Amino acid sequence: MIVWWDITKSLYASEQENGLNWGATIISNLPAHSVYYFFPINSATQRPSPLDQGEKPAIDSPEAAVLFKGALEKRISDNVEKLRNQMRADDEAAKNYGGVVQRDKRTCILSALDYSGTILKNEAKELEPEIVFISDMVEDCLHQSLNKGKGAFIQLTQPDVDSEIRAASAIPLNLQLEQVWVTVIVPTASSDTPVSQRPDMNGLQRFWRATFQRCGLNADKYQWSIGVLPPRLISPPPATLPGETQAEPSNN
């Protein structure tokens, strides 16, 4: 299980808090001995340091489950605070030299997807792999492989994503998704929070479906959820369920 949690400023604080709770819930409900990784989404997803990783222990009581989830959330919160302190220090150092870093203002999900492939290649084959993105999925990142190696941005900050779909198709992604569950959970703020600066959700879904399909996406193992933790991740099925299918994601 690989969980990517968006810690960039494109999410409101309440959305990030919901994302942390969902991520911890997902890990807590894994079967015993499942291997998990919990990564941050920012601009440094090519070689990220996990906020937590390990093997889910066997838990024999509701009280132990609460303790495990609480300890998990604290480890992640402590580590993300250390990361943010380092990012602030990096930004301050960059300003002193006339540059700008701002790793918490760039969202590099394509690189996270590619790095997930590296992890999955090294995992035990008997484990059913899954990648979960808890994010608004608004890619806003410089990709050095584009523009003949000079680099170019993929920016999903506009309603029309067709040009970005074409540009992103030139970015190599080193993974195969045929046997991988892929789940996107988009946090939502309260109804009184302005979100007009965000791109059209249908456009985002089109971009990411095209990207995932390029890597062999299995539609039966794909879900896009808005503001809700999918029931399958609250009470996950056994490691293998022959003939299990997943409903097509809604475009609403």
C-alpha atoms as a PDB file:
ATOM      1  CA  MET A   1       0.000   0.000   0.000  1.00  0.00           C
ATOM      2  CA  ILE A   2       1.379   3.379  -1.064  1.00  0.00           C
ATOM      3  CA  VAL A   3      -0.416   6.465   0.248  1.00  0.00           C
ATOM      4  CA  TRP A   4       0.440   9.894  -1.169  1.00  0.00           C
ATOM      5  CA  TRP A   5      -0.852  12.798   0.954  1.00  0.00           C
ATOM      6  CA  ASP A   6      -0.928  16.330  -0.478  1.00  0.00           C
ATOM      7  CA  ILE A   7       0.755  18.820   1.874  1.00  0.00           C
ATOM      8  CA  THR A   8       0.946  21.714  -0.598  1.00  0.00           C
ATOM      9  CA  LYS A   9      -0.721  25.089  -0.218  1.00  0.00           C
ATOM     10  CA  SER A  10      -3.224  24.201  -2.933  1.00  0.00           C
ATOM     11  CA  LEU A  11      -5.205  22.494  -0.149  1.00  0.00           C
ATOM     12  CA  TYR A  12      -6.832  24.294   2.755  1.00  0.00           C
ATOM     13  CA  ALA A  13      -5.728  23.331   6.278  1.00  0.00           C
ATOM     14  CA  SER A  14      -9.030  21.531   6.930  1.00  0.00           C
ATOM     15  CA  GLU A  15      -8.573  19.495   3.743  1.00  0.00           C
ATOM     16  CA  GLN A  16      -5.057  18.498   4.760  1.00  0.00           C
ATOM     17  CA  GLU A  17      -6.331  17.446   8.186  1.00  0.00           C
ATOM     18  CA  ASN A  18      -9.035  15.318   6.571  1.00  0.00           C
ATOM     19  CA  GLY A  19      -6.411  13.812   4.302  1.00  0.00           C
ATOM     20  CA  LEU A  20      -4.201  12.820   7.225  1.00  0.00           C
ATOM     21  CA  ASN A  21      -7.156  11.216   9.000  1.00  0.00           C
ATOM     22  CA  TRP A  22      -8.165   9.306   5.866  1.00  0.00           C
ATOM     23  CA  GLY A  23      -4.625   8.136   5.235  1.00  0.00           C
ATOM     24  CA  ALA A  24      -4.215   6.902   8.803  1.00  0.00           C
ATOM     25  CA  THR A  25      -7.597   5.150   8.588  1.00  0.00           C
ATOM     26  CA  ILE A  26      -6.549   3.394   5.377  1.00  0.00           C
ATOM     27  CA  ILE A  27      -3.305   2.136   6.930  1.00  0.00           C
ATOM     28  CA  SER A  28      -5.083   1.125  10.158  1.00  0.00           C
ATOM     29  CA  ASN A  29      -7.565  -1.029   8.252  1.00  0.00           C
ATOM     30  CA  LEU A  30      -4.969  -2.950   6.249  1.00  0.00           C
ATOM     31  CA  PRO A  31      -4.689  -6.690   6.889  1.00  0.00           C
ATOM     32  CA  ALA A  32      -1.994  -7.698   9.365  1.00  0.00           C
ATOM     33  CA  HIS A  33       1.542  -7.838   7.927  1.00  0.00           C
ATOM     34  CA  SER A  34       0.692  -5.573   4.970  1.00  0.00           C
ATOM     35  CA  VAL A  35       3.608  -3.371   3.949  1.00  0.00           C
ATOM     36  CA  TYR A  36       2.794   0.327   3.680  1.00  0.00           C
ATOM     37  CA  TYR A  37       4.434   3.614   2.692  1.00  0.00           C
ATOM     38  CA  PHE A  38       3.073   7.073   3.515  1.00  0.00           C
ATOM     39  CA  PHE A  39       4.595   9.821   1.359  1.00  0.00           C
ATOM     40  CA  PRO A  40       4.068  13.595   1.108  1.00  0.00           C
ATOM     41  CA  ILE A  41       3.038  15.226  -2.158  1.00  0.00           C
ATOM     42  CA  ASN A  42       4.978  18.416  -2.845  1.00  0.00           C
ATOM     43  CA  SER A  43       7.621  19.288  -5.432  1.00  0.00           C
ATOM     44  CA  ALA A  44      10.139  16.678  -4.211  1.00  0.00           C
ATOM     45  CA  THR A  45       8.407  13.455  -5.205  1.00  0.00           C
ATOM     46  CA  GLN A  46      11.153  12.084  -7.464  1.00  0.00           C
ATOM     47  CA  ARG A  47      13.068  10.715  -4.435  1.00  0.00           C
ATOM     48  CA  PRO A  48      10.809  11.389  -1.453  1.00  0.00           C
ATOM     49  CA  SER A  49      11.415  10.471   2.167  1.00  0.00           C
ATOM     50  CA  PRO A  50       8.404   8.653   3.666  1.00  0.00           C
ATOM     51  CA  LEU A  51       6.529  10.281   6.510  1.00  0.00           C
ATOM     52  CA  ASP A  52       6.011   6.738   7.784  1.00  0.00           C
ATOM     53  CA  GLN A  53       6.505   3.204   6.536  1.00  0.00           C
ATOM     54  CA  GLY A  54       6.432  -0.282   7.931  1.00  0.00           C
ATOM     55  CA  GLU A  55       4.493  -3.496   8.281  1.00  0.00           C
ATOM     56  CA  LYS A  56       0.993  -3.323   9.728  1.00  0.00           C
ATOM     57  CA  PRO A  57       1.011  -5.333  12.975  1.00  0.00           C
ATOM     58  CA  ALA A  58      -1.679  -7.758  14.033  1.00  0.00           C
ATOM     59  CA  ILE A  59      -4.241  -5.916  16.163  1.00  0.00           C
ATOM     60  CA  ASP A  60      -6.436  -7.948  18.482  1.00  0.00           C
ATOM     61  CA  SER A  61      -8.821  -5.403  20.027  1.00  0.00           C
ATOM     62  CA  PRO A  62     -10.638  -2.143  19.275  1.00  0.00           C
ATOM     63  CA  GLU A  63      -8.539  -0.436  21.943  1.00  0.00           C
ATOM     64  CA  ALA A  64      -5.321  -1.532  20.236  1.00  0.00           C
ATOM     65  CA  ALA A  65      -6.659  -0.270  16.906  1.00  0.00           C
ATOM     66  CA  VAL A  66      -7.297   3.182  18.381  1.00  0.00           C
ATOM     67  CA  LEU A  67      -3.799   3.263  19.882  1.00  0.00           C
ATOM     68  CA  PHE A  68      -2.196   2.203  16.595  1.00  0.00           C
ATOM     69  CA  LYS A  69      -4.037   4.860  14.572  1.00  0.00           C
ATOM     70  CA  GLY A  70      -3.256   7.571  17.107  1.00  0.00           C
ATOM     71  CA  ALA A  71       0.448   6.696  17.172  1.00  0.00           C
ATOM     72  CA  LEU A  72       0.515   6.563  13.369  1.00  0.00           C
ATOM     73  CA  GLU A  73      -1.063  10.011  13.029  1.00  0.00           C
ATOM     74  CA  LYS A  74       1.380  11.467  15.555  1.00  0.00           C
ATOM     75  CA  ARG A  75       4.420  10.042  13.751  1.00  0.00           C
ATOM     76  CA  ILE A  76       3.195  11.429  10.442  1.00  0.00           C
ATOM     77  CA  SER A  77       2.306  14.827  11.948  1.00  0.00           C
ATOM     78  CA  ASP A  78       5.704  15.089  13.641  1.00  0.00           C
ATOM     79  CA  ASN A  79       7.552  14.155  10.461  1.00  0.00           C
ATOM     80  CA  VAL A  80       5.575  16.506   8.241  1.00  0.00           C
ATOM     81  CA  GLU A  81       6.265  19.354  10.665  1.00  0.00           C
ATOM     82  CA  LYS A  82       9.989  18.579  10.423  1.00  0.00           C
ATOM     83  CA  LEU A  83       9.667  18.575   6.632  1.00  0.00           C
ATOM     84  CA  ARG A  84       7.848  21.910   6.611  1.00  0.00           C
ATOM     85  CA  ASN A  85      10.493  23.435   8.877  1.00  0.00           C
ATOM     86  CA  GLN A  86      13.150  22.255   6.443  1.00  0.00           C
ATOM     87  CA  MET A  87      11.200  23.651   3.487  1.00  0.00           C
ATOM     88  CA  ARG A  88      10.906  27.023   5.221  1.00  0.00           C
ATOM     89  CA  ALA A  89      14.649  27.003   5.891  1.00  0.00           C
ATOM     90  CA  ASP A  90      15.346  26.098   2.255  1.00  0.00           C
ATOM     91  CA  ASP A  91      13.105  28.922   1.056  1.00  0.00           C
ATOM     92  CA  GLU A  92      14.858  31.407   3.321  1.00  0.00           C
ATOM     93  CA  ALA A  93      18.284  30.251   2.144  1.00  0.00           C
ATOM     94  CA  ALA A  94      17.173  30.505  -1.492  1.00  0.00           C
ATOM     95  CA  LYS A  95      15.977  34.083  -0.978  1.00  0.00           C
ATOM     96  CA  ASN A  96      19.414  35.005   0.343  1.00  0.00           C
ATOM     97  CA  TYR A  97      20.863  33.907  -2.999  1.00  0.00           C
ATOM     98  CA  GLY A  98      18.143  35.494  -5.111  1.00  0.00           C
ATOM     99  CA  GLY A  99      16.341  32.235  -5.840  1.00  0.00           C
ATOM    100  CA  VAL A 100      13.004  30.687  -4.930  1.00  0.00           C
ATOM    101  CA  VAL A 101      12.327  27.083  -3.824  1.00  0.00           C
ATOM    102  CA  GLN A 102       8.795  26.980  -2.335  1.00  0.00           C
ATOM    103  CA  ARG A 103       8.418  23.198  -2.377  1.00  0.00           C
ATOM    104  CA  ASP A 104       5.047  23.482  -0.632  1.00  0.00           C
ATOM    105  CA  LYS A 105       3.612  25.467  -3.576  1.00  0.00           C
ATOM    106  CA  ARG A 106       4.363  22.888  -6.277  1.00  0.00           C
ATOM    107  CA  THR A 107       2.370  19.692  -6.743  1.00  0.00           C
ATOM    108  CA  CYS A 108       4.314  16.935  -8.541  1.00  0.00           C
ATOM    109  CA  ILE A 109       1.960  13.965  -8.776  1.00  0.00           C
ATOM    110  CA  LEU A 110       3.311  12.562 -12.062  1.00  0.00           C
ATOM    111  CA  SER A 111       6.705  12.102 -10.399  1.00  0.00           C
ATOM    112  CA  ALA A 112       4.979  10.449  -7.430  1.00  0.00           C
ATOM    113  CA  LEU A 113       3.275   8.030  -9.813  1.00  0.00           C
ATOM    114  CA  ASP A 114       6.580   7.192 -11.456  1.00  0.00           C
ATOM    115  CA  TYR A 115       8.298   6.658  -8.077  1.00  0.00           C
ATOM    116  CA  SER A 116       5.477   4.332  -7.035  1.00  0.00           C
ATOM    117  CA  GLY A 117       6.528   2.052  -9.871  1.00  0.00           C
ATOM    118  CA  THR A 118      10.006   1.776  -8.352  1.00  0.00           C
ATOM    119  CA  ILE A 119       8.531   0.666  -5.024  1.00  0.00           C
ATOM    120  CA  LEU A 120       6.096  -1.820  -6.539  1.00  0.00           C
ATOM    121  CA  LYS A 121       8.852  -3.546  -8.491  1.00  0.00           C
ATOM    122  CA  ASN A 122      10.608  -4.366  -5.227  1.00  0.00           C
ATOM    123  CA  GLU A 123       7.564  -5.573  -3.303  1.00  0.00           C
ATOM    124  CA  ALA A 124       6.558  -9.191  -2.732  1.00  0.00           C
ATOM    125  CA  LYS A 125       4.536 -10.449  -5.685  1.00  0.00           C
ATOM    126  CA  GLU A 126       1.910 -12.144  -3.489  1.00  0.00           C
ATOM    127  CA  LEU A 127       0.804  -8.793  -2.055  1.00  0.00           C
ATOM    128  CA  GLU A 128      -1.996  -6.996  -3.888  1.00  0.00           C
ATOM    129  CA  PRO A 129      -0.579  -3.543  -4.667  1.00  0.00           C
ATOM    130  CA  GLU A 130      -2.468  -0.300  -4.262  1.00  0.00           C
ATOM    131  CA  ILE A 131      -1.683   3.385  -4.769  1.00  0.00           C
ATOM    132  CA  VAL A 132      -3.851   5.992  -3.031  1.00  0.00           C
ATOM    133  CA  PHE A 133      -3.619   9.694  -3.831  1.00  0.00           C
ATOM    134  CA  ILE A 134      -5.179  12.054  -1.264  1.00  0.00           C
ATOM    135  CA  SER A 135      -4.968  15.303  -3.190  1.00  0.00           C
ATOM    136  CA  ASP A 136      -6.812  17.864  -5.288  1.00  0.00           C
ATOM    137  CA  MET A 137      -4.786  16.303  -8.171  1.00  0.00           C
ATOM    138  CA  VAL A 138      -3.832  19.715  -9.575  1.00  0.00           C
ATOM    139  CA  GLU A 139      -0.443  18.963 -11.111  1.00  0.00           C
ATOM    140  CA  ASP A 140       1.725  22.091 -11.102  1.00  0.00           C
ATOM    141  CA  CYS A 141       5.284  20.963 -11.627  1.00  0.00           C
ATOM    142  CA  LEU A 142       8.405  21.439 -13.719  1.00  0.00           C
ATOM    143  CA  HIS A 143       9.319  18.266 -15.636  1.00  0.00           C
ATOM    144  CA  GLN A 144      12.909  18.320 -16.824  1.00  0.00           C
ATOM    145  CA  SER A 145      12.375  15.642 -19.497  1.00  0.00           C
ATOM    146  CA  LEU A 146      10.111  17.955 -21.527  1.00  0.00           C
ATOM    147  CA  ASN A 147      11.163  20.580 -24.086  1.00  0.00           C
ATOM    148  CA  LYS A 148      14.153  18.541 -25.295  1.00  0.00           C
ATOM    149  CA  GLY A 149      15.599  18.303 -21.807  1.00  0.00           C
ATOM    150  CA  LYS A 150      15.249  22.007 -21.083  1.00  0.00           C
ATOM    151  CA  GLY A 151      12.204  21.394 -18.913  1.00  0.00           C
ATOM    152  CA  ALA A 152       8.611  22.613 -19.033  1.00  0.00           C
ATOM    153  CA  PHE A 153       5.699  22.865 -16.645  1.00  0.00           C
ATOM    154  CA  ILE A 154       2.601  20.692 -16.550  1.00  0.00           C
ATOM    155  CA  GLN A 155      -0.022  22.926 -14.941  1.00  0.00           C
ATOM    156  CA  LEU A 156      -3.592  21.796 -14.398  1.00  0.00           C
ATOM    157  CA  THR A 157      -4.642  25.226 -13.221  1.00  0.00           C
ATOM    158  CA  GLN A 158      -6.924  25.894 -16.174  1.00  0.00           C
ATOM    159  CA  PRO A 159     -10.245  24.346 -17.267  1.00  0.00           C
ATOM    160  CA  ASP A 160      -8.916  23.202 -20.679  1.00  0.00           C
ATOM    161  CA  VAL A 161      -6.536  20.330 -20.037  1.00  0.00           C
ATOM    162  CA  ASP A 162      -6.226  18.942 -23.576  1.00  0.00           C
ATOM    163  CA  SER A 163      -2.865  20.606 -24.189  1.00  0.00           C
ATOM    164  CA  GLU A 164      -1.584  19.340 -20.846  1.00  0.00           C
ATOM    165  CA  ILE A 165      -2.703  15.791 -21.664  1.00  0.00           C
ATOM    166  CA  ARG A 166      -0.696  15.946 -24.894  1.00  0.00           C
ATOM    167  CA  ALA A 167       2.355  17.412 -23.153  1.00  0.00           C
ATOM    168  CA  ALA A 168       2.251  14.902 -20.293  1.00  0.00           C
ATOM    169  CA  SER A 169       2.171  11.977 -22.724  1.00  0.00           C
ATOM    170  CA  ALA A 170       5.858  12.714 -23.421  1.00  0.00           C
ATOM    171  CA  ILE A 171       6.830  12.161 -19.767  1.00  0.00           C
ATOM    172  CA  PRO A 172       8.128   8.608 -19.224  1.00  0.00           C
ATOM    173  CA  LEU A 173       6.326   6.707 -16.477  1.00  0.00           C
ATOM    174  CA  ASN A 174       8.059   3.563 -15.293  1.00  0.00           C
ATOM    175  CA  LEU A 175       5.213   1.441 -13.965  1.00  0.00           C
ATOM    176  CA  GLN A 176       2.455  -0.940 -14.998  1.00  0.00           C
ATOM    177  CA  LEU A 177      -0.989  -0.636 -13.407  1.00  0.00           C
ATOM    178  CA  GLU A 178      -2.762  -3.724 -14.754  1.00  0.00           C
ATOM    179  CA  GLN A 179      -2.738  -5.448 -11.334  1.00  0.00           C
ATOM    180  CA  VAL A 180      -2.695  -2.310  -9.173  1.00  0.00           C
ATOM    181  CA  TRP A 181      -5.605  -0.683  -7.375  1.00  0.00           C
ATOM    182  CA  VAL A 182      -5.539   3.072  -8.019  1.00  0.00           C
ATOM    183  CA  THR A 183      -7.678   5.273  -5.778  1.00  0.00           C
ATOM    184  CA  VAL A 184      -7.939   9.062  -5.864  1.00  0.00           C
ATOM    185  CA  ILE A 185      -9.558  10.831  -2.905  1.00  0.00           C
ATOM    186  CA  VAL A 186     -10.117  14.552  -3.404  1.00  0.00           C
ATOM    187  CA  PRO A 187     -10.581  16.430  -0.109  1.00  0.00           C
ATOM    188  CA  THR A 188     -13.241  19.117  -0.042  1.00  0.00           C
ATOM    189  CA  ALA A 189     -13.483  22.198   2.163  1.00  0.00           C
ATOM    190  CA  SER A 190     -16.659  23.438   3.780  1.00  0.00           C
ATOM    191  CA  SER A 191     -19.257  24.876   1.419  1.00  0.00           C
ATOM    192  CA  ASP A 192     -18.484  28.449   2.462  1.00  0.00           C
ATOM    193  CA  THR A 193     -14.838  28.179   1.430  1.00  0.00           C
ATOM    194  CA  PRO A 194     -14.113  29.726  -1.995  1.00  0.00           C
ATOM    195  CA  VAL A 195     -12.681  27.226  -4.450  1.00  0.00           C
ATOM    196  CA  SER A 196     -13.274  29.148  -7.688  1.00  0.00           C
ATOM    197  CA  GLN A 197      -9.538  29.164  -8.439  1.00  0.00           C
ATOM    198  CA  ARG A 198      -9.532  25.413  -8.897  1.00  0.00           C
ATOM    199  CA  PRO A 199      -9.873  23.793 -12.328  1.00  0.00           C
ATOM    200  CA  ASP A 200     -12.894  21.886 -13.513  1.00  0.00           C
ATOM    201  CA  MET A 201     -13.149  18.471 -11.837  1.00  0.00           C
ATOM    202  CA  ASN A 202     -14.162  16.758 -15.076  1.00  0.00           C
ATOM    203  CA  GLY A 203     -11.019  18.103 -16.718  1.00  0.00           C
ATOM    204  CA  LEU A 204      -8.875  16.748 -13.899  1.00  0.00           C
ATOM    205  CA  GLN A 205     -10.517  13.349 -14.189  1.00  0.00           C
ATOM    206  CA  ARG A 206      -9.905  13.279 -17.937  1.00  0.00           C
ATOM    207  CA  PHE A 207      -6.229  14.158 -17.488  1.00  0.00           C
ATOM    208  CA  TRP A 208      -5.566  11.503 -14.864  1.00  0.00           C
ATOM    209  CA  ARG A 209      -7.586   8.774 -16.542  1.00  0.00           C
ATOM    210  CA  ALA A 210      -5.555   9.355 -19.711  1.00  0.00           C
ATOM    211  CA  THR A 211      -2.337   9.228 -17.682  1.00  0.00           C
ATOM    212  CA  PHE A 212      -3.287   6.083 -15.774  1.00  0.00           C
ATOM    213  CA  GLN A 213      -4.509   4.371 -18.945  1.00  0.00           C
ATOM    214  CA  ARG A 214      -1.121   5.005 -20.519  1.00  0.00           C
ATOM    215  CA  CYS A 215       0.275   2.817 -17.733  1.00  0.00           C
ATOM    216  CA  GLY A 216      -2.236   0.003 -18.302  1.00  0.00           C
ATOM    217  CA  LEU A 217      -4.951   1.039 -15.830  1.00  0.00           C
ATOM    218  CA  ASN A 218      -7.461  -1.691 -14.958  1.00  0.00           C
ATOM    219  CA  ALA A 219     -10.835   0.114 -14.869  1.00  0.00           C
ATOM    220  CA  ASP A 220     -12.159  -2.474 -12.403  1.00  0.00           C
ATOM    221  CA  LYS A 221      -9.480  -1.370  -9.936  1.00  0.00           C
ATOM    222  CA  TYR A 222      -9.868   2.380 -10.292  1.00  0.00           C
ATOM    223  CA  GLN A 223     -11.904   4.789  -8.191  1.00  0.00           C
ATOM    224  CA  TRP A 224     -12.132   8.574  -8.004  1.00  0.00           C
ATOM    225  CA  SER A 225     -13.859   9.770  -4.827  1.00  0.00           C
ATOM    226  CA  ILE A 226     -14.697  13.366  -3.897  1.00  0.00           C
ATOM    227  CA  GLY A 227     -14.830  14.268  -0.219  1.00  0.00           C
ATOM    228  CA  VAL A 228     -15.490  10.716   0.965  1.00  0.00           C
ATOM    229  CA  LEU A 229     -13.270   7.830   2.015  1.00  0.00           C
ATOM    230  CA  PRO A 230     -14.357   4.877  -0.186  1.00  0.00           C
ATOM    231  CA  PRO A 231     -16.016   2.084   1.822  1.00  0.00           C
ATOM    232  CA  ARG A 232     -13.584  -0.463   0.376  1.00  0.00           C
ATOM    233  CA  LEU A 233     -10.761   1.274   2.245  1.00  0.00           C
ATOM    234  CA  ILE A 234     -12.720   1.492   5.493  1.00  0.00           C
ATOM    235  CA  SER A 235     -13.499  -2.222   5.483  1.00  0.00           C
ATOM    236  CA  PRO A 236     -11.127  -3.626   2.853  1.00  0.00           C
ATOM    237  CA  PRO A 237     -11.764  -7.013   1.206  1.00  0.00           C
ATOM    238  CA  PRO A 238      -9.392  -9.940   1.656  1.00  0.00           C
ATOM    239  CA  ALA A 239      -6.115  -9.798  -0.261  1.00  0.00           C
ATOM    240  CA  THR A 240      -7.649 -11.685  -3.193  1.00  0.00           C
ATOM    241  CA  LEU A 241     -11.300 -11.911  -4.191  1.00  0.00           C
ATOM    242  CA  PRO A 242     -11.745 -13.760  -7.494  1.00  0.00           C
ATOM    243  CA  GLY A 243     -14.110 -11.991  -9.834  1.00  0.00           C
ATOM    244  CA  GLU A 244     -14.333  -8.823  -7.761  1.00  0.00           C
ATOM    245  CA  THR A 245     -15.213  -5.734  -9.789  1.00  0.00           C
ATOM    246  CA  GLN A 246     -15.281  -2.017  -9.056  1.00  0.00           C
ATOM    247  CA  ALA A 247     -17.944   0.404 -10.222  1.00  0.00           C
ATOM    248  CA  GLU A 248     -16.920   3.001 -12.748  1.00  0.00           C
ATOM    249  CA  PRO A 249     -16.042   6.310 -11.065  1.00  0.00           C
ATOM    250  CA  SER A 250     -18.661   9.021 -11.196  1.00  0.00           C
ATOM    251  CA  ASN A 251     -18.030  12.198 -13.150  1.00  0.00           C
ATOM    252  CA  ASN A 252     -20.195  14.210 -10.776  1.00  0.00           C
END
